[in-house]
Amino acid sequence: MMTRRTRTTTVLGFTAVALAAAFSGAGIHAQSDVSGIWQIDLDTQTGEQTWTVTFEQNGATLGGEIDMHDGEGTLPVEGSVDGNTIAFVFIVPDLDGDMPINLSGEIDGATIAGDEGHFVWYGSGDWTARKR
């Protein structure tokens, strides 16, 4: 038979456990998984461009390859995912020296809203991506 004191202690114990569980994950956020094929659309000073990137994600580490559809094949991609934030880079070989293109943005399901970036000879501009 439960007494009032036992019931109060039990309720307080359950409440404490529930609050501890709720606050223990307060600083933790779900990791987005971007593995797969994405179409990147750029709107730059030289016009609109479409690139295709294939991401391979292992935890927070990002790898893969990008096709700029310039007839030169694909280039390796390296980067990271932190929660809903993505950042990646690929190197475009050039006679004047290798040129890194850095992209970052916010992941929202099957879309990425890119931050403004500088895309070598394409100029500066905005970009978005959607998963195929």
N, C-alpha and C. Protein backbone atom coordinates (compact mmCIF):
# COMPACT_ATOMS: atom_id res chain seq x y z
N MET A 1 0.84 -1.18 0.00
CA MET A 1 0.00 0.00 0.00
C MET A 1 0.88 1.24 0.00
N MET A 2 0.62 2.17 -0.95
CA MET A 2 1.41 3.39 -1.06
C MET A 2 0.85 4.46 -0.13
N THR A 3 1.74 5.07 0.58
CA THR A 3 1.33 6.19 1.41
C THR A 3 1.47 7.46 0.60
N ARG A 4 0.94 8.55 1.15
CA ARG A 4 1.04 9.84 0.47
C ARG A 4 2.50 10.22 0.27
N ARG A 5 3.34 9.95 1.27
CA ARG A 5 4.75 10.29 1.19
C ARG A 5 5.43 9.48 0.08
N THR A 6 5.12 8.20 -0.05
CA THR A 6 5.70 7.34 -1.08
C THR A 6 5.26 7.81 -2.46
N ARG A 7 3.96 8.14 -2.60
CA ARG A 7 3.48 8.64 -3.89
C ARG A 7 4.16 9.94 -4.28
N THR A 8 4.30 10.86 -3.34
CA THR A 8 4.95 12.14 -3.62
C THR A 8 6.40 11.91 -4.03
N THR A 9 7.10 11.05 -3.31
CA THR A 9 8.49 10.75 -3.63
C THR A 9 8.59 10.11 -5.01
N THR A 10 7.67 9.20 -5.32
CA THR A 10 7.68 8.53 -6.62
C THR A 10 7.42 9.52 -7.74
N VAL A 11 6.44 10.40 -7.58
CA VAL A 11 6.13 11.41 -8.60
C VAL A 11 7.31 12.35 -8.78
N LEU A 12 7.90 12.80 -7.67
CA LEU A 12 9.07 13.68 -7.78
C LEU A 12 10.24 12.97 -8.45
N GLY A 13 10.42 11.69 -8.17
CA GLY A 13 11.48 10.92 -8.81
C GLY A 13 11.29 10.82 -10.31
N PHE A 14 10.05 10.52 -10.75
CA PHE A 14 9.76 10.46 -12.19
C PHE A 14 9.95 11.83 -12.84
N THR A 15 9.53 12.89 -12.16
CA THR A 15 9.69 14.24 -12.69
C THR A 15 11.17 14.57 -12.86
N ALA A 16 11.97 14.23 -11.86
CA ALA A 16 13.41 14.50 -11.94
C ALA A 16 14.04 13.75 -13.10
N VAL A 17 13.66 12.49 -13.28
CA VAL A 17 14.20 11.69 -14.38
C VAL A 17 13.79 12.30 -15.72
N ALA A 18 12.54 12.71 -15.86
CA ALA A 18 12.06 13.31 -17.11
C ALA A 18 12.78 14.61 -17.41
N LEU A 19 12.96 15.46 -16.39
CA LEU A 19 13.68 16.73 -16.60
C LEU A 19 15.14 16.47 -16.96
N ALA A 20 15.78 15.52 -16.31
CA ALA A 20 17.17 15.21 -16.63
C ALA A 20 17.30 14.73 -18.06
N ALA A 21 16.37 13.90 -18.50
CA ALA A 21 16.41 13.41 -19.88
C ALA A 21 16.19 14.55 -20.86
N ALA A 22 15.29 15.46 -20.54
CA ALA A 22 15.00 16.57 -21.45
C ALA A 22 16.18 17.51 -21.56
N PHE A 23 16.85 17.81 -20.44
CA PHE A 23 17.94 18.77 -20.48
C PHE A 23 19.27 18.16 -20.89
N SER A 24 19.42 16.86 -20.78
CA SER A 24 20.70 16.24 -21.14
C SER A 24 20.98 16.37 -22.63
N GLY A 25 19.96 16.47 -23.47
CA GLY A 25 20.16 16.60 -24.91
C GLY A 25 20.03 18.02 -25.40
N ALA A 26 19.97 18.99 -24.48
CA ALA A 26 19.74 20.37 -24.88
C ALA A 26 20.83 20.89 -25.81
N GLY A 27 22.08 20.46 -25.61
CA GLY A 27 23.15 20.95 -26.46
C GLY A 27 23.44 20.06 -27.66
N ILE A 28 22.67 19.00 -27.80
CA ILE A 28 22.90 18.04 -28.89
C ILE A 28 21.89 18.29 -29.99
N HIS A 29 22.33 18.30 -31.22
CA HIS A 29 21.41 18.48 -32.34
C HIS A 29 21.61 17.33 -33.32
N ALA A 30 20.55 17.00 -34.00
CA ALA A 30 20.60 15.88 -34.94
C ALA A 30 21.54 16.20 -36.09
N GLN A 31 22.27 15.20 -36.51
CA GLN A 31 23.20 15.35 -37.62
C GLN A 31 22.46 15.08 -38.92
N SER A 32 22.49 16.02 -39.85
CA SER A 32 21.89 15.80 -41.16
C SER A 32 22.73 14.81 -41.95
N ASP A 33 22.09 14.00 -42.77
CA ASP A 33 22.80 13.07 -43.65
C ASP A 33 22.58 13.53 -45.09
N VAL A 34 23.65 13.94 -45.74
CA VAL A 34 23.55 14.47 -47.11
C VAL A 34 24.04 13.48 -48.15
N SER A 35 24.31 12.24 -47.76
CA SER A 35 24.79 11.24 -48.71
C SER A 35 23.84 11.14 -49.90
N GLY A 36 24.41 11.08 -51.10
CA GLY A 36 23.60 10.96 -52.31
C GLY A 36 23.98 12.00 -53.35
N ILE A 37 23.15 12.09 -54.38
CA ILE A 37 23.41 12.99 -55.51
C ILE A 37 22.58 14.26 -55.35
N TRP A 38 23.25 15.40 -55.52
CA TRP A 38 22.62 16.71 -55.37
C TRP A 38 22.87 17.55 -56.62
N GLN A 39 21.90 18.35 -56.99
CA GLN A 39 22.08 19.32 -58.07
C GLN A 39 22.30 20.68 -57.43
N ILE A 40 23.40 21.33 -57.79
CA ILE A 40 23.73 22.66 -57.30
C ILE A 40 23.43 23.66 -58.40
N ASP A 41 22.64 24.67 -58.07
CA ASP A 41 22.34 25.75 -59.01
C ASP A 41 22.98 27.02 -58.48
N LEU A 42 23.80 27.64 -59.34
CA LEU A 42 24.48 28.88 -58.98
C LEU A 42 23.92 30.03 -59.80
N ASP A 43 23.79 31.17 -59.17
CA ASP A 43 23.39 32.39 -59.86
C ASP A 43 24.52 33.38 -59.65
N THR A 44 25.38 33.52 -60.67
CA THR A 44 26.60 34.32 -60.52
C THR A 44 26.62 35.47 -61.51
N GLN A 45 27.68 36.25 -61.44
CA GLN A 45 27.86 37.38 -62.34
C GLN A 45 27.98 36.96 -63.79
N THR A 46 28.40 35.73 -64.03
CA THR A 46 28.54 35.25 -65.41
C THR A 46 27.33 34.45 -65.87
N GLY A 47 26.29 34.41 -65.06
CA GLY A 47 25.07 33.70 -65.43
C GLY A 47 24.82 32.50 -64.54
N GLU A 48 23.82 31.73 -64.92
CA GLU A 48 23.43 30.56 -64.14
C GLU A 48 24.27 29.35 -64.54
N GLN A 49 24.64 28.56 -63.54
CA GLN A 49 25.42 27.33 -63.73
C GLN A 49 24.73 26.21 -62.97
N THR A 50 24.88 24.98 -63.44
CA THR A 50 24.38 23.81 -62.73
C THR A 50 25.51 22.80 -62.60
N TRP A 51 25.77 22.40 -61.36
CA TRP A 51 26.77 21.39 -61.07
C TRP A 51 26.09 20.21 -60.41
N THR A 52 26.73 19.05 -60.46
CA THR A 52 26.21 17.85 -59.80
C THR A 52 27.26 17.34 -58.83
N VAL A 53 26.87 17.16 -57.57
CA VAL A 53 27.79 16.66 -56.56
C VAL A 53 27.22 15.38 -55.95
N THR A 54 28.11 14.42 -55.75
CA THR A 54 27.76 13.18 -55.07
C THR A 54 28.48 13.19 -53.73
N PHE A 55 27.71 13.24 -52.64
CA PHE A 55 28.28 13.25 -51.30
C PHE A 55 28.29 11.85 -50.71
N GLU A 56 29.37 11.54 -50.01
CA GLU A 56 29.49 10.33 -49.20
C GLU A 56 29.82 10.81 -47.80
N GLN A 57 28.88 10.60 -46.87
CA GLN A 57 29.05 11.10 -45.52
C GLN A 57 29.32 9.97 -44.55
N ASN A 58 30.30 10.17 -43.68
CA ASN A 58 30.63 9.23 -42.62
C ASN A 58 30.70 10.03 -41.32
N GLY A 59 29.61 10.04 -40.56
CA GLY A 59 29.54 10.89 -39.37
C GLY A 59 29.52 12.34 -39.80
N ALA A 60 30.46 13.12 -39.29
CA ALA A 60 30.54 14.53 -39.65
C ALA A 60 31.43 14.77 -40.87
N THR A 61 32.14 13.74 -41.32
CA THR A 61 33.09 13.88 -42.43
C THR A 61 32.40 13.68 -43.77
N LEU A 62 32.73 14.55 -44.70
CA LEU A 62 32.10 14.54 -46.01
C LEU A 62 33.16 14.32 -47.08
N GLY A 63 32.85 13.45 -48.03
CA GLY A 63 33.70 13.21 -49.18
C GLY A 63 32.81 13.11 -50.40
N GLY A 64 33.40 12.84 -51.54
CA GLY A 64 32.62 12.67 -52.75
C GLY A 64 33.29 13.29 -53.95
N GLU A 65 32.47 13.63 -54.95
CA GLU A 65 32.99 14.22 -56.18
C GLU A 65 31.96 15.16 -56.77
N ILE A 66 32.47 16.14 -57.53
CA ILE A 66 31.60 17.12 -58.16
C ILE A 66 31.89 17.18 -59.66
N ASP A 67 30.84 17.32 -60.43
CA ASP A 67 30.94 17.50 -61.88
C ASP A 67 30.43 18.90 -62.19
N MET A 68 31.33 19.74 -62.69
CA MET A 68 30.96 21.12 -63.04
C MET A 68 30.38 21.21 -64.44
N HIS A 69 30.25 20.07 -65.11
CA HIS A 69 29.70 20.00 -66.48
C HIS A 69 30.47 20.90 -67.44
N ASP A 70 31.81 20.86 -67.29
CA ASP A 70 32.67 21.65 -68.17
C ASP A 70 33.48 20.77 -69.11
N GLY A 71 33.16 19.46 -69.15
CA GLY A 71 33.87 18.54 -70.01
C GLY A 71 35.19 18.05 -69.44
N GLU A 72 35.51 18.44 -68.22
CA GLU A 72 36.79 18.07 -67.61
C GLU A 72 36.67 16.90 -66.63
N GLY A 73 35.49 16.31 -66.49
CA GLY A 73 35.31 15.20 -65.55
C GLY A 73 34.94 15.69 -64.17
N THR A 74 35.20 14.82 -63.17
CA THR A 74 34.82 15.15 -61.80
C THR A 74 36.05 15.53 -60.98
N LEU A 75 35.78 16.24 -59.89
CA LEU A 75 36.82 16.64 -58.95
C LEU A 75 36.45 16.15 -57.56
N PRO A 76 37.45 15.75 -56.75
CA PRO A 76 37.13 15.29 -55.39
C PRO A 76 36.63 16.43 -54.51
N VAL A 77 35.73 16.09 -53.60
CA VAL A 77 35.14 17.03 -52.65
C VAL A 77 35.48 16.56 -51.24
N GLU A 78 35.82 17.50 -50.36
CA GLU A 78 36.03 17.22 -48.95
C GLU A 78 35.30 18.25 -48.13
N GLY A 79 34.78 17.84 -46.98
CA GLY A 79 34.09 18.80 -46.14
C GLY A 79 33.57 18.19 -44.87
N SER A 80 32.58 18.87 -44.29
CA SER A 80 32.01 18.41 -43.03
C SER A 80 30.56 18.85 -42.91
N VAL A 81 29.85 18.14 -42.04
CA VAL A 81 28.47 18.48 -41.69
C VAL A 81 28.43 18.60 -40.18
N ASP A 82 27.88 19.72 -39.69
CA ASP A 82 27.72 19.94 -38.26
C ASP A 82 26.27 20.32 -38.02
N GLY A 83 25.47 19.34 -37.57
CA GLY A 83 24.04 19.59 -37.41
C GLY A 83 23.41 19.83 -38.77
N ASN A 84 22.91 21.04 -39.00
CA ASN A 84 22.32 21.39 -40.29
C ASN A 84 23.23 22.29 -41.13
N THR A 85 24.48 22.43 -40.72
CA THR A 85 25.42 23.27 -41.45
C THR A 85 26.37 22.39 -42.25
N ILE A 86 26.54 22.72 -43.52
CA ILE A 86 27.44 21.99 -44.40
C ILE A 86 28.52 22.94 -44.90
N ALA A 87 29.74 22.43 -45.02
CA ALA A 87 30.84 23.19 -45.60
C ALA A 87 31.70 22.20 -46.38
N PHE A 88 32.02 22.55 -47.63
CA PHE A 88 32.87 21.66 -48.42
C PHE A 88 33.69 22.47 -49.40
N VAL A 89 34.75 21.84 -49.89
CA VAL A 89 35.68 22.49 -50.80
C VAL A 89 36.08 21.50 -51.88
N PHE A 90 36.35 22.03 -53.06
CA PHE A 90 36.98 21.24 -54.11
C PHE A 90 37.97 22.15 -54.82
N ILE A 91 39.00 21.54 -55.39
CA ILE A 91 40.10 22.29 -56.00
C ILE A 91 39.98 22.20 -57.52
N VAL A 92 39.94 23.35 -58.17
CA VAL A 92 39.89 23.41 -59.63
C VAL A 92 41.32 23.66 -60.12
N PRO A 93 41.91 22.68 -60.84
CA PRO A 93 43.26 22.88 -61.36
C PRO A 93 43.25 23.95 -62.46
N ASP A 94 44.27 24.78 -62.45
CA ASP A 94 44.37 25.86 -63.44
C ASP A 94 45.84 26.10 -63.73
N LEU A 95 46.13 26.60 -64.92
CA LEU A 95 47.52 26.88 -65.28
C LEU A 95 48.14 27.93 -64.37
N ASP A 96 47.32 28.82 -63.83
CA ASP A 96 47.81 29.86 -62.92
C ASP A 96 47.89 29.38 -61.47
N GLY A 97 47.58 28.13 -61.24
CA GLY A 97 47.59 27.56 -59.88
C GLY A 97 46.23 27.01 -59.51
N ASP A 98 46.24 26.05 -58.61
CA ASP A 98 44.98 25.44 -58.17
C ASP A 98 44.10 26.47 -57.47
N MET A 99 42.80 26.41 -57.76
CA MET A 99 41.86 27.35 -57.19
C MET A 99 40.81 26.61 -56.36
N PRO A 100 40.82 26.82 -55.04
CA PRO A 100 39.80 26.18 -54.21
C PRO A 100 38.46 26.90 -54.33
N ILE A 101 37.40 26.13 -54.38
CA ILE A 101 36.04 26.68 -54.31
C ILE A 101 35.44 26.16 -53.02
N ASN A 102 35.13 27.08 -52.12
CA ASN A 102 34.56 26.75 -50.81
C ASN A 102 33.08 27.08 -50.82
N LEU A 103 32.27 26.11 -50.42
CA LEU A 103 30.83 26.31 -50.34
C LEU A 103 30.35 25.97 -48.93
N SER A 104 29.42 26.74 -48.42
CA SER A 104 28.81 26.44 -47.13
C SER A 104 27.35 26.85 -47.18
N GLY A 105 26.56 26.24 -46.30
CA GLY A 105 25.14 26.56 -46.29
C GLY A 105 24.40 25.81 -45.21
N GLU A 106 23.08 25.96 -45.22
CA GLU A 106 22.20 25.33 -44.24
C GLU A 106 21.36 24.26 -44.91
N ILE A 107 21.37 23.07 -44.33
CA ILE A 107 20.61 21.93 -44.85
C ILE A 107 19.20 21.97 -44.27
N ASP A 108 18.21 21.78 -45.15
CA ASP A 108 16.82 21.68 -44.72
C ASP A 108 16.18 20.53 -45.47
N GLY A 109 16.35 19.32 -44.94
CA GLY A 109 15.82 18.13 -45.60
C GLY A 109 16.54 17.85 -46.90
N ALA A 110 15.81 17.96 -48.02
CA ALA A 110 16.37 17.65 -49.34
C ALA A 110 16.83 18.91 -50.07
N THR A 111 17.02 20.01 -49.34
CA THR A 111 17.53 21.24 -49.96
C THR A 111 18.65 21.83 -49.10
N ILE A 112 19.49 22.59 -49.75
CA ILE A 112 20.54 23.33 -49.06
C ILE A 112 20.46 24.77 -49.54
N ALA A 113 20.40 25.70 -48.60
CA ALA A 113 20.44 27.13 -48.91
C ALA A 113 21.88 27.58 -48.71
N GLY A 114 22.55 27.86 -49.82
CA GLY A 114 23.96 28.19 -49.75
C GLY A 114 24.21 29.63 -49.37
N ASP A 115 25.33 29.84 -48.67
CA ASP A 115 25.80 31.18 -48.37
C ASP A 115 26.39 31.77 -49.65
N GLU A 116 26.47 33.09 -49.73
CA GLU A 116 27.09 33.70 -50.91
C GLU A 116 28.54 33.24 -50.99
N GLY A 117 28.99 32.93 -52.19
CA GLY A 117 30.35 32.43 -52.36
C GLY A 117 31.03 33.03 -53.57
N HIS A 118 32.33 32.76 -53.67
CA HIS A 118 33.12 33.18 -54.83
C HIS A 118 33.51 31.92 -55.59
N PHE A 119 33.15 31.87 -56.85
CA PHE A 119 33.29 30.66 -57.65
C PHE A 119 34.30 30.83 -58.78
N VAL A 120 35.48 31.26 -58.44
CA VAL A 120 36.60 31.46 -59.36
C VAL A 120 36.15 32.31 -60.54
N TRP A 121 36.28 31.82 -61.75
CA TRP A 121 35.97 32.62 -62.94
C TRP A 121 34.47 32.82 -63.15
N TYR A 122 33.63 32.10 -62.39
CA TYR A 122 32.18 32.32 -62.49
C TYR A 122 31.76 33.58 -61.74
N GLY A 123 32.62 34.10 -60.90
CA GLY A 123 32.29 35.28 -60.11
C GLY A 123 31.66 34.91 -58.77
N SER A 124 31.08 35.89 -58.12
CA SER A 124 30.42 35.69 -56.83
C SER A 124 28.93 35.52 -57.04
N GLY A 125 28.28 34.90 -56.07
CA GLY A 125 26.84 34.76 -56.17
C GLY A 125 26.26 33.80 -55.16
N ASP A 126 24.98 33.56 -55.31
CA ASP A 126 24.25 32.66 -54.42
C ASP A 126 24.16 31.27 -55.04
N TRP A 127 23.93 30.27 -54.20
CA TRP A 127 23.75 28.92 -54.70
C TRP A 127 22.73 28.19 -53.83
N THR A 128 22.07 27.24 -54.45
CA THR A 128 21.15 26.34 -53.75
C THR A 128 21.42 24.93 -54.26
N ALA A 129 20.98 23.96 -53.50
CA ALA A 129 21.12 22.56 -53.93
C ALA A 129 19.86 21.80 -53.55
N ARG A 130 19.56 20.82 -54.37
CA ARG A 130 18.43 19.94 -54.04
C ARG A 130 18.86 18.51 -54.33
N LYS A 131 18.40 17.63 -53.46
CA LYS A 131 18.76 16.22 -53.58
C LYS A 131 17.93 15.58 -54.67
N ARG A 132 18.59 14.77 -55.49
CA ARG A 132 17.89 14.06 -56.57
C ARG A 132 17.28 12.79 -56.06
